[in-house]
Amino acid sequence: MTPRTLVLSSIDRYLASGADLLEGLNAEVCERDSRLLRFPYTVMLEVAYPELDFINRWCWRHFGPLDGECTQKCSEYRACADETPHHHAGRWTSYWFAKTDYDFGFNEWYFSEKTDRDLLLANLPEMNWGEHYPK
């Protein structure tokens, strides 16, 4: 069985965790509010880096490219082969909030369509560290 450490979470749990400094928190909340205007449906998870990359690849396969700056160059499970700095237009995006442990932290996925968010939630039981981490 492939390792699995993800935990379904929430913005409230992130804020209560004290994972970020108070000074940067207001700016981060304002940036989140801005993302929510375009992508109002969210899923917040506490995830390990391999799970983050695995879920992002799954989202690319099901919903197309992530909206915004492409960070796939650094992904363990790459969905975009272009290694040059570039952006994509898409119907979902993702934001890493804070690292809370070694290679582990809070990430939130944002969707413009409720059905996309619901599909990710329905498939969370299948999300794990991926094929690079067999039994």
N, C-alpha and C. Protein backbone atom coordinates (compact mmCIF):
# COMPACT_ATOMS: atom_id res chain seq x y z
N MET A 1 0.84 -1.19 0.00
CA MET A 1 0.00 0.00 0.00
C MET A 1 0.88 1.24 0.00
N THR A 2 0.54 2.20 -0.84
CA THR A 2 1.29 3.45 -0.95
C THR A 2 1.03 4.32 0.28
N PRO A 3 2.07 5.00 0.79
CA PRO A 3 1.87 5.85 1.97
C PRO A 3 0.81 6.92 1.74
N ARG A 4 0.12 7.25 2.82
CA ARG A 4 -0.92 8.29 2.78
C ARG A 4 -0.89 9.02 4.12
N THR A 5 -0.70 10.33 4.05
CA THR A 5 -0.65 11.13 5.28
C THR A 5 -1.61 12.31 5.25
N LEU A 6 -2.32 12.51 4.13
CA LEU A 6 -3.16 13.70 4.01
C LEU A 6 -4.31 13.69 5.01
N VAL A 7 -4.70 14.90 5.41
CA VAL A 7 -5.81 15.09 6.33
C VAL A 7 -6.69 16.21 5.76
N LEU A 8 -7.99 15.95 5.65
CA LEU A 8 -8.91 17.00 5.24
C LEU A 8 -8.91 18.07 6.32
N SER A 9 -8.76 19.31 5.94
CA SER A 9 -8.60 20.39 6.91
C SER A 9 -9.49 21.57 6.53
N SER A 10 -9.18 22.74 7.06
CA SER A 10 -9.97 23.94 6.79
C SER A 10 -9.10 25.17 7.01
N ILE A 11 -9.56 26.29 6.50
CA ILE A 11 -8.84 27.54 6.74
C ILE A 11 -8.84 27.87 8.22
N ASP A 12 -9.91 27.56 8.92
CA ASP A 12 -9.96 27.82 10.36
C ASP A 12 -8.92 27.00 11.12
N ARG A 13 -8.75 25.77 10.71
CA ARG A 13 -7.74 24.92 11.37
C ARG A 13 -6.33 25.47 11.09
N TYR A 14 -6.12 25.93 9.85
CA TYR A 14 -4.83 26.54 9.52
C TYR A 14 -4.59 27.78 10.38
N LEU A 15 -5.58 28.65 10.48
CA LEU A 15 -5.42 29.88 11.26
C LEU A 15 -5.18 29.57 12.73
N ALA A 16 -5.83 28.54 13.25
CA ALA A 16 -5.68 28.16 14.65
C ALA A 16 -4.35 27.46 14.92
N SER A 17 -3.71 26.95 13.87
CA SER A 17 -2.47 26.19 14.05
C SER A 17 -1.29 27.07 14.44
N GLY A 18 -1.39 28.37 14.15
CA GLY A 18 -0.26 29.25 14.42
C GLY A 18 0.91 28.97 13.50
N ALA A 19 0.63 28.37 12.35
CA ALA A 19 1.69 27.97 11.43
C ALA A 19 2.38 29.15 10.77
N ASP A 20 1.74 30.29 10.78
CA ASP A 20 2.30 31.47 10.12
C ASP A 20 2.47 32.59 11.14
N LEU A 21 3.34 33.51 10.86
CA LEU A 21 3.51 34.67 11.72
C LEU A 21 2.33 35.61 11.56
N LEU A 22 1.91 36.24 12.64
CA LEU A 22 0.77 37.14 12.58
C LEU A 22 0.98 38.28 11.59
N GLU A 23 2.21 38.75 11.46
CA GLU A 23 2.49 39.88 10.57
C GLU A 23 2.09 39.58 9.13
N GLY A 24 2.36 38.38 8.66
CA GLY A 24 2.04 38.03 7.29
C GLY A 24 0.64 37.48 7.10
N LEU A 25 -0.04 37.23 8.20
CA LEU A 25 -1.34 36.59 8.13
C LEU A 25 -2.39 37.44 7.45
N ASN A 26 -2.45 38.74 7.76
CA ASN A 26 -3.46 39.60 7.15
C ASN A 26 -3.30 39.65 5.64
N ALA A 27 -2.07 39.77 5.15
CA ALA A 27 -1.83 39.79 3.71
C ALA A 27 -2.25 38.47 3.09
N GLU A 28 -1.95 37.37 3.77
CA GLU A 28 -2.30 36.05 3.25
C GLU A 28 -3.82 35.87 3.17
N VAL A 29 -4.54 36.36 4.17
CA VAL A 29 -6.00 36.27 4.16
C VAL A 29 -6.57 37.14 3.04
N CYS A 30 -6.00 38.31 2.82
CA CYS A 30 -6.46 39.18 1.72
C CYS A 30 -6.21 38.53 0.37
N GLU A 31 -5.05 37.90 0.20
CA GLU A 31 -4.75 37.19 -1.05
C GLU A 31 -5.74 36.04 -1.25
N ARG A 32 -6.06 35.36 -0.17
CA ARG A 32 -7.02 34.25 -0.27
C ARG A 32 -8.38 34.78 -0.69
N ASP A 33 -8.81 35.88 -0.09
CA ASP A 33 -10.10 36.48 -0.46
C ASP A 33 -10.14 36.82 -1.94
N SER A 34 -9.02 37.29 -2.47
CA SER A 34 -8.92 37.62 -3.89
C SER A 34 -9.06 36.36 -4.75
N ARG A 35 -8.39 35.27 -4.34
CA ARG A 35 -8.52 34.00 -5.07
C ARG A 35 -9.95 33.50 -5.05
N LEU A 36 -10.63 33.67 -3.91
CA LEU A 36 -12.00 33.17 -3.76
C LEU A 36 -12.99 33.88 -4.70
N LEU A 37 -12.66 35.08 -5.14
CA LEU A 37 -13.54 35.78 -6.09
C LEU A 37 -13.63 35.03 -7.41
N ARG A 38 -12.52 34.45 -7.86
CA ARG A 38 -12.49 33.68 -9.12
C ARG A 38 -12.74 32.20 -8.91
N PHE A 39 -12.33 31.71 -7.75
CA PHE A 39 -12.38 30.27 -7.47
C PHE A 39 -13.03 30.05 -6.10
N PRO A 40 -14.37 30.11 -6.04
CA PRO A 40 -15.05 30.11 -4.74
C PRO A 40 -15.17 28.75 -4.04
N TYR A 41 -14.83 27.66 -4.71
CA TYR A 41 -15.00 26.32 -4.13
C TYR A 41 -13.62 25.78 -3.75
N THR A 42 -13.45 25.41 -2.49
CA THR A 42 -12.11 25.08 -1.99
C THR A 42 -12.05 23.72 -1.30
N VAL A 43 -10.82 23.20 -1.27
CA VAL A 43 -10.48 22.02 -0.48
C VAL A 43 -9.15 22.32 0.19
N MET A 44 -9.14 22.34 1.52
CA MET A 44 -7.91 22.55 2.28
C MET A 44 -7.47 21.20 2.83
N LEU A 45 -6.21 20.87 2.58
CA LEU A 45 -5.65 19.62 3.09
C LEU A 45 -4.35 19.90 3.82
N GLU A 46 -4.05 19.05 4.76
CA GLU A 46 -2.72 18.97 5.33
C GLU A 46 -2.08 17.80 4.60
N VAL A 47 -0.99 18.08 3.88
CA VAL A 47 -0.41 17.08 2.98
C VAL A 47 1.11 17.07 3.03
N ALA A 48 1.67 15.92 2.66
CA ALA A 48 3.11 15.79 2.43
C ALA A 48 3.38 16.24 1.00
N TYR A 49 4.60 16.68 0.73
CA TYR A 49 4.95 17.15 -0.61
C TYR A 49 4.61 16.14 -1.72
N PRO A 50 4.91 14.85 -1.56
CA PRO A 50 4.55 13.92 -2.64
C PRO A 50 3.04 13.88 -2.90
N GLU A 51 2.23 13.98 -1.84
CA GLU A 51 0.77 14.01 -2.02
C GLU A 51 0.34 15.28 -2.74
N LEU A 52 0.95 16.40 -2.41
CA LEU A 52 0.67 17.66 -3.09
C LEU A 52 0.89 17.52 -4.59
N ASP A 53 2.05 16.99 -4.95
CA ASP A 53 2.37 16.81 -6.37
C ASP A 53 1.45 15.80 -7.04
N PHE A 54 1.12 14.72 -6.35
CA PHE A 54 0.23 13.69 -6.88
C PHE A 54 -1.17 14.27 -7.13
N ILE A 55 -1.69 15.03 -6.17
CA ILE A 55 -3.02 15.63 -6.31
C ILE A 55 -3.02 16.68 -7.42
N ASN A 56 -1.97 17.48 -7.50
CA ASN A 56 -1.90 18.47 -8.57
C ASN A 56 -1.92 17.80 -9.94
N ARG A 57 -1.17 16.71 -10.08
CA ARG A 57 -1.18 16.00 -11.36
C ARG A 57 -2.58 15.45 -11.66
N TRP A 58 -3.24 14.91 -10.63
CA TRP A 58 -4.60 14.40 -10.81
C TRP A 58 -5.52 15.53 -11.27
N CYS A 59 -5.40 16.70 -10.67
CA CYS A 59 -6.23 17.84 -11.07
C CYS A 59 -5.95 18.24 -12.51
N TRP A 60 -4.68 18.28 -12.91
CA TRP A 60 -4.34 18.60 -14.30
C TRP A 60 -5.02 17.62 -15.25
N ARG A 61 -4.99 16.34 -14.92
CA ARG A 61 -5.56 15.32 -15.79
C ARG A 61 -7.08 15.43 -15.89
N HIS A 62 -7.71 15.88 -14.82
CA HIS A 62 -9.17 15.94 -14.81
C HIS A 62 -9.74 17.31 -15.16
N PHE A 63 -9.02 18.40 -14.88
CA PHE A 63 -9.57 19.75 -15.05
C PHE A 63 -8.74 20.63 -15.98
N GLY A 64 -7.64 20.10 -16.49
CA GLY A 64 -6.76 20.93 -17.31
C GLY A 64 -5.72 21.63 -16.45
N PRO A 65 -4.97 22.55 -17.05
CA PRO A 65 -3.87 23.18 -16.32
C PRO A 65 -4.32 24.07 -15.17
N LEU A 66 -3.45 24.19 -14.19
CA LEU A 66 -3.64 25.10 -13.07
C LEU A 66 -3.59 26.53 -13.59
N ASP A 67 -4.43 27.39 -13.03
CA ASP A 67 -4.43 28.80 -13.41
C ASP A 67 -3.29 29.52 -12.69
N GLY A 68 -2.46 30.22 -13.44
CA GLY A 68 -1.39 31.01 -12.83
C GLY A 68 -0.01 30.53 -13.24
N GLU A 69 0.97 30.93 -12.45
CA GLU A 69 2.36 30.57 -12.73
C GLU A 69 2.54 29.06 -12.64
N CYS A 70 3.18 28.49 -13.65
CA CYS A 70 3.40 27.05 -13.68
C CYS A 70 4.59 26.69 -12.80
N THR A 71 4.37 25.82 -11.84
CA THR A 71 5.43 25.35 -10.94
C THR A 71 5.74 23.88 -11.17
N GLN A 72 5.28 23.33 -12.28
CA GLN A 72 5.47 21.91 -12.55
C GLN A 72 6.93 21.51 -12.72
N LYS A 73 7.78 22.44 -13.03
CA LYS A 73 9.21 22.15 -13.20
C LYS A 73 9.77 21.47 -11.95
N CYS A 74 9.25 21.81 -10.79
CA CYS A 74 9.74 21.29 -9.51
C CYS A 74 8.91 20.12 -8.98
N SER A 75 7.91 19.69 -9.73
CA SER A 75 7.00 18.66 -9.24
C SER A 75 7.57 17.26 -9.39
N GLU A 76 7.29 16.43 -8.41
CA GLU A 76 7.68 15.02 -8.49
C GLU A 76 6.82 14.27 -9.51
N TYR A 77 5.60 14.71 -9.69
CA TYR A 77 4.67 14.11 -10.66
C TYR A 77 4.27 15.19 -11.66
N ARG A 78 5.15 15.44 -12.61
CA ARG A 78 4.97 16.55 -13.54
C ARG A 78 3.81 16.33 -14.50
N ALA A 79 3.06 17.42 -14.71
CA ALA A 79 1.97 17.40 -15.67
C ALA A 79 2.27 18.32 -16.86
N CYS A 80 3.26 19.18 -16.73
CA CYS A 80 3.64 20.10 -17.80
C CYS A 80 5.13 19.94 -18.06
N ALA A 81 5.49 19.71 -19.31
CA ALA A 81 6.89 19.46 -19.67
C ALA A 81 7.69 20.73 -19.92
N ASP A 82 7.03 21.86 -20.02
CA ASP A 82 7.71 23.14 -20.30
C ASP A 82 8.48 23.59 -19.06
N GLU A 83 9.80 23.69 -19.17
CA GLU A 83 10.62 24.08 -18.03
C GLU A 83 10.92 25.58 -17.98
N THR A 84 10.45 26.32 -18.97
CA THR A 84 10.68 27.77 -18.97
C THR A 84 9.63 28.45 -18.09
N PRO A 85 9.92 29.64 -17.56
CA PRO A 85 8.90 30.36 -16.79
C PRO A 85 7.70 30.68 -17.69
N HIS A 86 6.51 30.30 -17.25
CA HIS A 86 5.30 30.56 -18.02
C HIS A 86 4.08 30.45 -17.12
N HIS A 87 2.93 30.83 -17.67
CA HIS A 87 1.66 30.78 -16.96
C HIS A 87 0.65 29.99 -17.78
N HIS A 88 -0.38 29.53 -17.09
CA HIS A 88 -1.50 28.86 -17.73
C HIS A 88 -2.79 29.55 -17.31
N ALA A 89 -3.80 29.44 -18.12
CA ALA A 89 -5.15 29.86 -17.75
C ALA A 89 -5.95 28.59 -17.51
N GLY A 90 -6.60 28.50 -16.37
CA GLY A 90 -7.33 27.29 -16.04
C GLY A 90 -8.52 27.57 -15.16
N ARG A 91 -9.23 26.50 -14.81
CA ARG A 91 -10.43 26.66 -13.98
C ARG A 91 -10.20 26.22 -12.54
N TRP A 92 -8.92 26.03 -12.17
CA TRP A 92 -8.57 25.70 -10.79
C TRP A 92 -7.19 26.27 -10.50
N THR A 93 -6.88 26.40 -9.21
CA THR A 93 -5.55 26.82 -8.81
C THR A 93 -5.27 26.23 -7.43
N SER A 94 -4.08 26.48 -6.94
CA SER A 94 -3.63 25.87 -5.69
C SER A 94 -2.72 26.85 -4.97
N TYR A 95 -2.73 26.80 -3.63
CA TYR A 95 -1.87 27.70 -2.86
C TYR A 95 -1.31 26.97 -1.64
N TRP A 96 0.01 27.00 -1.50
CA TRP A 96 0.69 26.42 -0.33
C TRP A 96 0.71 27.48 0.76
N PHE A 97 0.07 27.21 1.89
CA PHE A 97 0.00 28.18 2.98
C PHE A 97 1.22 28.12 3.88
N ALA A 98 1.52 26.96 4.43
CA ALA A 98 2.62 26.90 5.40
C ALA A 98 3.10 25.48 5.60
N LYS A 99 4.39 25.39 5.83
CA LYS A 99 5.00 24.12 6.20
C LYS A 99 4.85 23.96 7.71
N THR A 100 4.37 22.81 8.15
CA THR A 100 4.17 22.58 9.58
C THR A 100 5.09 21.50 10.14
N ASP A 101 5.72 20.76 9.24
CA ASP A 101 6.62 19.69 9.63
C ASP A 101 7.53 19.44 8.44
N TYR A 102 8.46 18.52 8.57
CA TYR A 102 9.36 18.21 7.46
C TYR A 102 8.55 17.75 6.25
N ASP A 103 8.61 18.51 5.16
CA ASP A 103 7.90 18.19 3.91
C ASP A 103 6.40 17.96 4.10
N PHE A 104 5.78 18.74 4.97
CA PHE A 104 4.36 18.58 5.28
C PHE A 104 3.77 19.94 5.63
N GLY A 105 2.53 20.20 5.21
CA GLY A 105 1.91 21.47 5.57
C GLY A 105 0.52 21.62 4.99
N PHE A 106 0.03 22.87 5.02
CA PHE A 106 -1.31 23.21 4.56
C PHE A 106 -1.29 23.66 3.10
N ASN A 107 -2.14 23.07 2.28
CA ASN A 107 -2.33 23.52 0.91
C ASN A 107 -3.82 23.58 0.64
N GLU A 108 -4.23 24.61 -0.12
CA GLU A 108 -5.64 24.74 -0.47
C GLU A 108 -5.77 24.74 -1.99
N TRP A 109 -6.74 23.96 -2.48
CA TRP A 109 -7.08 23.92 -3.89
C TRP A 109 -8.34 24.73 -4.08
N TYR A 110 -8.40 25.50 -5.17
CA TYR A 110 -9.51 26.40 -5.47
C TYR A 110 -10.08 26.04 -6.83
N PHE A 111 -11.41 26.03 -6.92
CA PHE A 111 -12.08 25.65 -8.16
C PHE A 111 -13.13 26.68 -8.54
N SER A 112 -13.25 26.94 -9.84
CA SER A 112 -14.29 27.85 -10.30
C SER A 112 -15.64 27.15 -10.37
N GLU A 113 -15.61 25.82 -10.45
CA GLU A 113 -16.86 25.06 -10.56
C GLU A 113 -17.01 24.09 -9.39
N LYS A 114 -18.19 24.08 -8.80
CA LYS A 114 -18.48 23.22 -7.65
C LYS A 114 -18.29 21.74 -7.99
N THR A 115 -18.67 21.36 -9.20
CA THR A 115 -18.56 19.95 -9.60
C THR A 115 -17.10 19.48 -9.60
N ASP A 116 -16.16 20.38 -9.94
CA ASP A 116 -14.74 20.02 -9.91
C ASP A 116 -14.28 19.81 -8.47
N ARG A 117 -14.66 20.73 -7.59
CA ARG A 117 -14.32 20.57 -6.17
C ARG A 117 -14.89 19.26 -5.62
N ASP A 118 -16.14 19.00 -5.95
CA ASP A 118 -16.80 17.78 -5.45
C ASP A 118 -16.12 16.52 -5.97
N LEU A 119 -15.65 16.56 -7.22
CA LEU A 119 -14.96 15.40 -7.78
C LEU A 119 -13.64 15.14 -7.04
N LEU A 120 -12.91 16.19 -6.72
CA LEU A 120 -11.69 16.00 -5.93
C LEU A 120 -12.03 15.42 -4.56
N LEU A 121 -13.02 15.98 -3.89
CA LEU A 121 -13.42 15.46 -2.58
C LEU A 121 -13.81 13.98 -2.66
N ALA A 122 -14.54 13.62 -3.69
CA ALA A 122 -14.99 12.22 -3.86
C ALA A 122 -13.81 11.29 -4.09
N ASN A 123 -12.72 11.81 -4.65
CA ASN A 123 -11.56 10.98 -4.95
C ASN A 123 -10.45 11.08 -3.92
N LEU A 124 -10.64 11.82 -2.85
CA LEU A 124 -9.60 11.92 -1.81
C LEU A 124 -9.16 10.57 -1.27
N PRO A 125 -10.06 9.59 -1.11
CA PRO A 125 -9.60 8.29 -0.62
C PRO A 125 -8.54 7.63 -1.52
N GLU A 126 -8.49 8.02 -2.80
CA GLU A 126 -7.52 7.46 -3.73
C GLU A 126 -6.20 8.24 -3.75
N MET A 127 -6.16 9.39 -3.09
CA MET A 127 -4.96 10.22 -3.11
C MET A 127 -3.94 9.71 -2.09
N ASN A 128 -2.68 9.70 -2.53
CA ASN A 128 -1.62 9.20 -1.66
C ASN A 128 -0.29 9.75 -2.16
N TRP A 129 0.81 9.14 -1.75
CA TRP A 129 2.15 9.61 -2.15
C TRP A 129 2.48 9.25 -3.59
N GLY A 130 1.70 8.40 -4.20
CA GLY A 130 1.89 8.08 -5.61
C GLY A 130 2.80 6.89 -5.87
N GLU A 131 2.97 6.62 -7.15
CA GLU A 131 3.68 5.42 -7.58
C GLU A 131 5.18 5.44 -7.29
N HIS A 132 5.74 6.56 -6.96
CA HIS A 132 7.16 6.61 -6.60
C HIS A 132 7.44 6.05 -5.21
N TYR A 133 6.37 5.77 -4.46
CA TYR A 133 6.51 5.29 -3.08
C TYR A 133 5.71 4.00 -2.88
N PRO A 134 6.15 2.91 -3.49
CA PRO A 134 5.41 1.65 -3.31
C PRO A 134 5.57 1.14 -1.88
N LYS A 135 4.77 0.16 -1.54
CA LYS A 135 4.80 -0.47 -0.21
C LYS A 135 6.11 -0.27 0.40
